[in-house]
Amino acid sequence: MTKFINPGLTQTSRRNVLRGSVLAGAAAMTGAGAFANQRRTPVPRMQPPAARFIEAEAQAQVQAAPADLSGYTRVKQELVAPPFAPAHDQVATGGPKIIEVYMETTEKLMVVDEDTGAEVWALTYNGSVPGPLIICHEGDMVELTLRNPVDSMMEHNIDFHASTGALGGGGLTHVYPGEETVLRWKATKPGCFTYHCAPGGAMIPYHVTHGMNGAVMVLPRDGLKDAEGNPLRYDSIAYIGEQDYYLPKDEFGDYKTYEAAGDDYADSLDAMRTLTPTHCVFNGAVGALTGENALQAKVGETVLMIHNQANRDSRPHLIGGHGNYVWETSFSDPPLTGVETWFVRGGTAMAAMYTFEQPGVYAYVNHNLIEATLLGAAAHFVVEGEWNNALMEQVVAPRSFET
């Protein structure tokens, strides 16, 4: 069966192309310029050493003893679009579970900024940037069915930072258009973790910076706790994916447009090499979480803010609020408390909890304020409730004064 499995490539068959190897091998031999001409010049088909290890992993899996799934209960988790979270228990009930989830790798044209007309052929899980949040408990297993639609242009896979072995599952989940695979992994470490596509070579940052990433939250079985072991509960989750885009421009400084996913590959490599994003946005686009799309809360409500950044460091700040409890790394470690601005390491997800005390509009921003105000890394919480003058009061309204 013949498919287009990567951008700019001539048609290839499964038998003579190793997963993820064509673009990675060509990049090493010829550089980015080769990809601009792929439709005219076939790339030599080479099998890199890494491919042998992937095959060896698959063979080792066949030879290994089957997993003991006795005692596990199967539960389907209906994934939802960001910034929302799927239904879940904050404290585990019963024994460990196999959490069944389904994701489809969707390639879609998305507007990044309506004011400038900037758009991107986004590579997504389930059609959203970021991909949907998955929630489980420590000791559970996540069983993902990953499907690549037949009309896709590219090969995709998934690397779960929360998992152990096989490149986070990336070595076992490569799917061509028209294929699906099922991966099961055990959640052994509590915390928030990134997942992302990692087909190989330069295609890894290409896919990640085109939106193909998301987060998993692995809760402790007895729920979140403070440093003294007291339980912490939240009323809702705000799931925020910070996405850096590197959109190519023409000689006039206008953003380029492309007919299909992958057509921007050579241009995107040039833009990515600058290490300077054209946009740094929350949940896929400028304004995706402001105005009519602002997050909603009420005074007295506790919100768990989950922040994912699959590629660059970030430092979120809630203007007018704080991180009452902040987990920058693991839920196994006591949370930081009373934090004004917290840190998201590139390639991680983390969580911060805050109970709103005043009504009004709160700006949640990357406190690199250049990125927040000029590149789009800002969200709003609109909070309803009664004002408390004991916390803040305008004693004198602005007025003119005599010198």
Protein backbone atom coordinates (compact mmCIF):
# COMPACT_ATOMS: atom_id res chain seq x y z
CA MET A 1 0.00 0.00 0.00
CA THR A 2 1.39 3.42 -0.93
CA LYS A 3 1.07 6.51 1.28
CA PHE A 4 2.51 9.97 1.73
CA ILE A 5 4.07 9.54 5.15
CA ASN A 6 6.10 12.72 5.54
CA PRO A 7 6.05 16.17 3.98
CA GLY A 8 7.73 16.64 0.64
CA LEU A 9 8.58 13.00 0.09
CA THR A 10 7.91 11.03 -3.05
CA GLN A 11 5.56 8.11 -2.55
CA THR A 12 7.04 5.30 -0.52
CA SER A 13 5.95 1.90 0.67
CA ARG A 14 6.09 0.47 4.18
CA ARG A 15 8.55 -2.20 3.20
CA ASN A 16 11.37 0.01 2.02
CA VAL A 17 11.19 2.91 4.48
CA LEU A 18 11.96 2.47 8.15
CA ARG A 19 9.75 4.52 10.46
CA GLY A 20 11.08 8.02 11.03
CA SER A 21 14.34 7.37 9.21
CA VAL A 22 13.98 9.11 5.85
CA LEU A 23 13.93 12.69 7.06
CA ALA A 24 16.41 12.07 9.86
CA GLY A 25 18.86 10.38 7.49
CA ALA A 26 18.46 13.00 4.80
CA ALA A 27 19.00 15.80 7.30
CA ALA A 28 22.33 14.33 8.31
CA MET A 29 23.45 13.91 4.70
CA THR A 30 22.17 16.93 2.86
CA GLY A 31 20.79 19.52 5.28
CA ALA A 32 17.49 21.37 5.12
CA GLY A 33 17.83 22.25 1.45
CA ALA A 34 17.13 18.69 0.43
CA PHE A 35 13.61 18.81 1.82
CA ALA A 36 12.53 21.66 -0.38
CA ASN A 37 13.16 19.46 -3.40
CA GLN A 38 11.82 16.15 -2.12
CA ARG A 39 8.94 15.98 -4.55
CA ARG A 40 11.45 15.97 -7.40
CA THR A 41 14.42 14.09 -5.94
CA PRO A 42 13.89 10.87 -3.97
CA VAL A 43 15.88 10.64 -0.75
CA PRO A 44 18.27 7.68 -0.35
CA ARG A 45 16.61 5.15 1.94
CA MET A 46 18.93 4.33 4.78
CA GLN A 47 18.47 2.41 8.00
CA PRO A 48 20.05 4.35 10.88
CA PRO A 49 21.43 2.48 13.91
CA ALA A 50 18.56 3.74 16.09
CA ALA A 51 16.12 1.77 13.97
CA ARG A 52 17.77 -1.50 14.95
CA PHE A 53 17.21 -0.67 18.62
CA ILE A 54 13.53 0.04 17.97
CA GLU A 55 13.20 -3.33 16.25
CA ALA A 56 15.08 -4.94 19.14
CA GLU A 57 12.67 -3.38 21.63
CA ALA A 58 9.70 -4.75 19.74
CA GLN A 59 11.32 -8.21 19.66
CA ALA A 60 12.14 -8.04 23.38
CA GLN A 61 8.51 -7.23 24.07
CA VAL A 62 7.39 -10.33 22.20
CA GLN A 63 9.76 -12.48 24.23
CA ALA A 64 8.90 -10.92 27.59
CA ALA A 65 6.37 -12.41 29.98
CA PRO A 66 2.88 -10.92 29.59
CA ALA A 67 1.89 -8.19 32.04
CA ASP A 68 -0.16 -9.34 35.02
CA LEU A 69 -3.39 -7.38 34.71
CA SER A 70 -5.24 -9.26 37.44
CA GLY A 71 -6.88 -6.87 39.86
CA TYR A 72 -7.17 -4.06 37.32
CA THR A 73 -10.54 -2.62 36.35
CA ARG A 74 -11.01 -1.15 32.89
CA VAL A 75 -12.39 2.39 32.72
CA LYS A 76 -12.92 4.56 29.65
CA GLN A 77 -11.88 8.18 30.00
CA GLU A 78 -13.64 10.56 27.67
CA LEU A 79 -11.05 13.15 26.73
CA VAL A 80 -12.19 16.76 26.37
CA ALA A 81 -10.75 19.80 24.62
CA PRO A 82 -8.54 22.21 26.57
CA PRO A 83 -8.73 24.19 28.81
CA PHE A 84 -11.04 21.64 30.41
CA ALA A 85 -10.19 18.38 32.15
CA PRO A 86 -11.85 14.97 31.87
CA ALA A 87 -14.10 13.73 34.65
CA HIS A 88 -12.00 12.09 37.35
CA ASP A 89 -11.73 11.29 41.06
CA GLN A 90 -9.26 13.38 43.03
CA VAL A 91 -8.78 10.44 45.40
CA ALA A 92 -8.61 6.98 43.86
CA THR A 93 -11.48 4.63 44.55
CA GLY A 94 -10.97 0.89 44.60
CA GLY A 95 -7.96 -0.84 43.13
CA PRO A 96 -5.76 0.16 40.19
CA LYS A 97 -7.41 0.78 36.85
CA ILE A 98 -6.62 0.52 33.17
CA ILE A 99 -7.58 3.94 31.85
CA GLU A 100 -8.63 3.56 28.22
CA VAL A 101 -8.19 6.68 26.09
CA TYR A 102 -8.45 7.36 22.38
CA MET A 103 -6.57 9.96 20.37
CA GLU A 104 -6.47 10.78 16.68
CA THR A 105 -3.60 12.60 15.02
CA THR A 106 -5.34 15.41 13.15
CA GLU A 107 -3.55 17.77 10.76
CA LYS A 108 -5.56 20.97 10.45
CA LEU A 109 -5.17 24.58 9.32
CA MET A 110 -5.46 26.90 12.34
CA VAL A 111 -5.48 30.68 12.63
CA VAL A 112 -2.83 31.75 15.13
CA ASP A 113 -3.56 35.49 15.09
CA GLU A 114 -6.66 36.96 13.45
CA ASP A 115 -5.16 40.46 13.44
CA THR A 116 -2.20 39.50 11.25
CA GLY A 117 -3.69 36.53 9.42
CA ALA A 118 -0.96 34.27 10.75
CA GLU A 119 -1.92 30.63 10.37
CA VAL A 120 -0.30 27.23 10.76
CA TRP A 121 -0.93 23.72 9.57
CA ALA A 122 -1.20 22.44 13.12
CA LEU A 123 -0.30 18.86 13.95
CA THR A 124 -2.58 17.83 16.78
CA TYR A 125 -3.88 15.12 19.03
CA ASN A 126 -7.69 15.16 18.81
CA GLY A 127 -7.69 18.44 16.91
CA SER A 128 -6.59 20.79 19.69
CA VAL A 129 -3.43 22.64 20.70
CA PRO A 130 -2.45 21.44 23.24
CA GLY A 131 -3.64 17.87 23.02
CA PRO A 132 -6.20 16.76 25.63
CA LEU A 133 -5.30 16.31 29.29
CA ILE A 134 -5.16 12.71 30.51
CA ILE A 135 -5.68 12.06 34.23
CA CYS A 136 -4.94 8.89 36.15
CA HIS A 137 -3.63 7.81 39.55
CA GLU A 138 -0.28 6.39 40.54
CA GLY A 139 -0.35 2.65 39.91
CA ASP A 140 -2.96 2.88 37.15
CA MET A 141 -2.22 1.93 33.57
CA VAL A 142 -2.98 4.19 30.63
CA GLU A 143 -4.03 2.30 27.51
CA LEU A 144 -4.00 4.58 24.48
CA THR A 145 -5.45 3.81 21.09
CA LEU A 146 -3.64 6.13 18.68
CA ARG A 147 -5.10 6.47 15.19
CA ASN A 148 -3.63 8.30 12.19
CA PRO A 149 -6.39 9.14 9.65
CA VAL A 150 -5.97 7.85 6.13
CA ASP A 151 -5.92 11.38 4.69
CA SER A 152 -2.97 12.52 6.83
CA MET A 153 0.24 13.60 5.13
CA MET A 154 2.60 12.43 7.87
CA GLU A 155 3.67 9.68 10.17
CA HIS A 156 3.03 10.34 13.89
CA ASN A 157 3.76 8.79 17.26
CA ILE A 158 3.70 9.75 20.95
CA ASP A 159 6.32 10.05 23.69
CA PHE A 160 4.88 10.07 27.23
CA HIS A 161 7.30 11.65 29.70
CA ALA A 162 5.29 9.97 32.45
CA SER A 163 6.10 6.47 31.17
CA THR A 164 9.15 4.22 31.36
CA GLY A 165 11.03 2.67 28.42
CA ALA A 166 10.94 2.64 24.61
CA LEU A 167 11.47 6.39 24.20
CA GLY A 168 8.42 7.05 26.33
CA GLY A 169 6.39 4.86 24.01
CA GLY A 170 7.66 6.78 21.00
CA GLY A 171 9.57 3.72 19.81
CA LEU A 172 6.40 1.60 19.78
CA THR A 173 3.72 3.96 18.47
CA HIS A 174 4.80 5.07 14.97
CA VAL A 175 1.67 5.09 12.83
CA TYR A 176 1.40 5.84 9.13
CA PRO A 177 -1.76 7.32 7.57
CA GLY A 178 -4.51 4.72 7.83
CA GLU A 179 -2.94 2.93 10.80
CA GLU A 180 -3.70 2.66 14.49
CA THR A 181 -1.77 1.26 17.42
CA VAL A 182 -2.47 0.51 21.07
CA LEU A 183 0.07 1.27 23.81
CA ARG A 184 -0.30 0.48 27.50
CA TRP A 185 2.01 1.94 30.15
CA LYS A 186 2.03 2.05 33.94
CA ALA A 187 1.92 5.36 35.80
CA THR A 188 4.64 4.81 38.39
CA LYS A 189 5.48 8.46 39.19
CA PRO A 190 2.96 11.04 40.44
CA GLY A 191 3.04 14.53 38.92
CA CYS A 192 2.27 16.42 35.73
CA PHE A 193 4.10 15.36 32.59
CA THR A 194 4.40 16.40 28.96
CA TYR A 195 3.63 14.14 26.02
CA HIS A 196 4.55 14.96 22.43
CA CYS A 197 5.14 13.58 18.96
CA ALA A 198 8.70 12.46 18.20
CA PRO A 199 8.96 10.83 14.76
CA GLY A 200 12.75 11.23 14.56
CA GLY A 201 15.43 13.74 13.61
CA ALA A 202 14.39 17.29 12.76
CA MET A 203 10.78 16.13 12.58
CA ILE A 204 10.71 16.05 16.40
CA PRO A 205 10.93 19.83 16.93
CA TYR A 206 8.90 20.38 13.75
CA HIS A 207 5.96 18.40 15.16
CA VAL A 208 6.28 19.84 18.67
CA THR A 209 6.40 23.45 17.44
CA HIS A 210 3.38 22.77 15.24
CA GLY A 211 1.27 21.98 18.31
CA MET A 212 1.68 18.24 18.77
CA ASN A 213 2.02 18.06 22.54
CA GLY A 214 -0.07 17.84 25.69
CA ALA A 215 -0.03 16.73 29.32
CA VAL A 216 -0.77 13.84 31.64
CA MET A 217 -1.56 14.32 35.34
CA VAL A 218 -0.78 11.34 37.56
CA LEU A 219 -2.41 11.97 40.93
CA PRO A 220 -1.31 10.25 44.15
CA ARG A 221 -3.85 7.58 45.02
CA ASP A 222 -4.83 9.48 48.17
CA GLY A 223 -4.93 12.83 46.40
CA LEU A 224 -2.88 15.99 46.66
CA LYS A 225 -1.48 17.01 50.07
CA ASP A 226 0.45 19.84 51.65
CA ALA A 227 3.83 19.44 53.37
CA GLU A 228 2.13 18.29 56.61
CA GLY A 229 0.08 15.67 54.84
CA ASN A 230 -3.21 17.55 54.94
CA PRO A 231 -5.46 16.93 51.95
CA LEU A 232 -5.73 19.58 49.25
CA ARG A 233 -8.77 19.71 46.98
CA TYR A 234 -9.63 21.80 43.93
CA ASP A 235 -12.95 22.84 42.47
CA SER A 236 -11.82 22.91 38.85
CA ILE A 237 -8.83 22.56 36.55
CA ALA A 238 -7.56 25.15 34.09
CA TYR A 239 -5.40 23.30 31.58
CA ILE A 240 -3.06 25.70 29.79
CA GLY A 241 -0.71 24.67 26.99
CA GLU A 242 1.94 27.21 26.10
CA GLN A 243 2.88 26.89 22.43
CA ASP A 244 5.78 28.51 20.65
CA TYR A 245 5.35 28.86 16.88
CA TYR A 246 8.00 29.72 14.30
CA LEU A 247 5.97 30.85 11.31
CA PRO A 248 7.84 31.58 8.06
CA LYS A 249 7.58 35.03 6.50
CA ASP A 250 8.09 36.22 2.94
CA GLU A 251 10.46 38.96 1.78
CA PHE A 252 7.85 41.60 2.67
CA GLY A 253 7.52 40.38 6.26
CA ASP A 254 4.10 38.81 5.71
CA TYR A 255 3.31 35.36 7.03
CA LYS A 256 3.40 32.70 4.33
CA THR A 257 0.49 30.40 3.59
CA TYR A 258 0.66 26.78 2.48
CA GLU A 259 -1.74 24.43 0.75
CA ALA A 260 -1.20 21.35 2.89
CA ALA A 261 0.35 20.09 6.09
CA GLY A 262 4.09 19.72 5.68
CA ASP A 263 4.47 22.12 2.78
CA ASP A 264 6.14 24.57 5.16
CA TYR A 265 8.80 22.10 6.29
CA ALA A 266 11.92 23.66 4.72
CA ASP A 267 10.80 27.20 5.55
CA SER A 268 9.95 26.19 9.11
CA LEU A 269 13.40 24.70 9.66
CA ASP A 270 14.93 28.04 8.74
CA ALA A 271 12.57 29.87 11.09
CA MET A 272 13.16 27.38 13.91
CA ARG A 273 16.93 27.76 13.66
CA THR A 274 16.61 31.36 14.78
CA LEU A 275 15.37 30.09 18.17
CA THR A 276 13.12 33.15 18.13
CA PRO A 277 9.39 32.35 18.12
CA THR A 278 7.04 34.51 16.08
CA HIS A 279 4.28 33.64 18.55
CA CYS A 280 4.17 32.29 22.09
CA VAL A 281 0.52 31.60 22.87
CA PHE A 282 -1.74 29.79 25.27
CA ASN A 283 -3.94 27.01 23.88
CA GLY A 284 -3.04 27.39 20.26
CA ALA A 285 -3.77 30.99 19.32
CA VAL A 286 -3.58 34.61 20.38
CA GLY A 287 -6.63 35.33 22.55
CA ALA A 288 -7.63 31.68 22.92
CA LEU A 289 -8.16 32.24 26.67
CA THR A 290 -9.09 35.93 26.81
CA GLY A 291 -12.24 37.96 26.14
CA GLU A 292 -15.19 35.70 25.46
CA ASN A 293 -12.89 32.71 25.87
CA ALA A 294 -11.67 33.73 29.34
CA LEU A 295 -11.56 31.15 32.10
CA GLN A 296 -14.35 31.44 34.67
CA ALA A 297 -14.26 31.17 38.48
CA LYS A 298 -15.91 32.51 41.63
CA VAL A 299 -14.55 33.98 44.83
CA GLY A 300 -13.76 31.11 47.18
CA GLU A 301 -13.20 28.59 44.40
CA THR A 302 -9.90 26.73 44.19
CA VAL A 303 -8.46 26.24 40.73
CA LEU A 304 -5.64 23.86 39.83
CA MET A 305 -3.73 25.43 36.96
CA ILE A 306 -1.88 22.83 34.89
CA HIS A 307 0.70 24.42 32.61
CA ASN A 308 2.45 22.52 29.82
CA GLN A 309 5.42 23.76 27.78
CA ALA A 310 6.91 21.04 25.60
CA ASN A 311 9.79 23.07 24.15
CA ARG A 312 10.85 26.22 26.05
CA ASP A 313 11.21 27.42 29.62
CA SER A 314 8.39 29.58 30.92
CA ARG A 315 7.53 31.45 34.11
CA PRO A 316 3.80 31.90 34.68
CA HIS A 317 2.40 34.55 36.99
CA LEU A 318 -1.19 35.17 38.06
CA ILE A 319 -1.52 38.95 38.22
CA GLY A 320 -3.51 39.76 41.36
CA GLY A 321 -3.10 36.27 42.79
CA HIS A 322 -0.48 33.76 43.83
CA GLY A 323 0.46 30.11 43.73
CA ASN A 324 -0.85 28.97 47.11
CA TYR A 325 0.64 25.57 46.36
CA VAL A 326 2.99 24.89 43.46
CA TRP A 327 4.35 21.57 42.23
CA GLU A 328 7.10 22.36 39.73
CA THR A 329 8.33 18.77 39.58
CA SER A 330 6.63 15.85 41.33
CA PHE A 331 3.56 15.36 43.50
CA SER A 332 5.82 13.13 45.64
CA ASP A 333 7.64 16.25 46.88
CA PRO A 334 6.00 18.81 49.20
CA PRO A 335 4.58 21.74 47.23
CA LEU A 336 6.12 25.18 47.25
CA THR A 337 3.84 27.68 48.98
CA GLY A 338 3.01 31.36 48.48
CA VAL A 339 4.81 31.56 45.14
CA GLU A 340 4.48 34.74 43.07
CA THR A 341 5.92 33.43 39.77
CA TRP A 342 6.63 29.77 39.15
CA PHE A 343 8.86 27.95 36.72
CA VAL A 344 8.00 25.57 33.89
CA ARG A 345 11.05 23.78 32.58
CA GLY A 346 11.04 23.24 28.84
CA GLY A 347 9.65 19.77 28.16
CA THR A 348 7.56 19.58 31.32
CA ALA A 349 4.13 20.16 32.74
CA MET A 350 3.47 21.40 36.28
CA ALA A 351 0.64 22.45 38.56
CA ALA A 352 -0.21 25.48 40.71
CA MET A 353 -3.22 25.82 43.01
CA TYR A 354 -4.92 29.07 43.99
CA THR A 355 -8.12 30.00 45.83
CA PHE A 356 -9.54 33.25 44.45
CA GLU A 357 -10.24 35.91 47.08
CA GLN A 358 -11.39 38.90 45.06
CA PRO A 359 -13.67 39.33 42.04
CA GLY A 360 -12.46 40.84 38.79
CA VAL A 361 -10.24 39.98 35.85
CA TYR A 362 -6.98 38.21 36.62
CA ALA A 363 -4.34 38.00 33.92
CA TYR A 364 -2.40 34.74 33.82
CA VAL A 365 0.78 35.45 31.85
CA ASN A 366 4.22 34.25 31.00
CA HIS A 367 6.16 36.81 33.03
CA ASN A 368 8.56 37.32 30.25
CA LEU A 369 6.27 40.24 29.59
CA ILE A 370 7.56 40.65 26.04
CA GLU A 371 6.19 37.21 25.24
CA ALA A 372 2.99 37.91 27.15
CA THR A 373 2.15 41.24 25.53
CA LEU A 374 3.79 41.02 22.10
CA LEU A 375 3.74 37.28 21.31
CA GLY A 376 0.46 36.25 22.91
CA ALA A 377 1.29 34.30 26.09
CA ALA A 378 -1.65 35.56 28.16
CA ALA A 379 -4.92 34.25 29.53
CA HIS A 380 -7.69 35.77 31.68
CA PHE A 381 -9.65 34.48 34.64
CA VAL A 382 -12.96 36.31 35.11
CA VAL A 383 -13.91 35.87 38.77
CA GLU A 384 -17.35 36.66 40.20
CA GLY A 385 -18.10 37.51 43.81
CA GLU A 386 -18.20 40.19 46.50
CA TRP A 387 -15.34 42.70 46.78
CA ASN A 388 -13.36 42.68 50.05
CA ASN A 389 -12.07 46.15 50.97
CA ALA A 390 -9.95 44.62 53.73
CA LEU A 391 -7.77 43.08 51.01
CA MET A 392 -7.69 46.08 48.65
CA GLU A 393 -9.44 49.41 48.47
CA GLN A 394 -9.14 52.46 46.26
CA VAL A 395 -8.89 55.13 48.93
CA VAL A 396 -8.77 58.05 46.48
CA ALA A 397 -9.83 57.85 42.85
CA PRO A 398 -7.39 59.37 40.33
CA ARG A 399 -7.60 63.17 40.41
CA SER A 400 -5.57 66.12 39.34
CA PHE A 401 -3.37 67.92 41.84
CA GLU A 402 -1.85 71.37 42.11
CA THR A 403 1.92 71.90 42.13
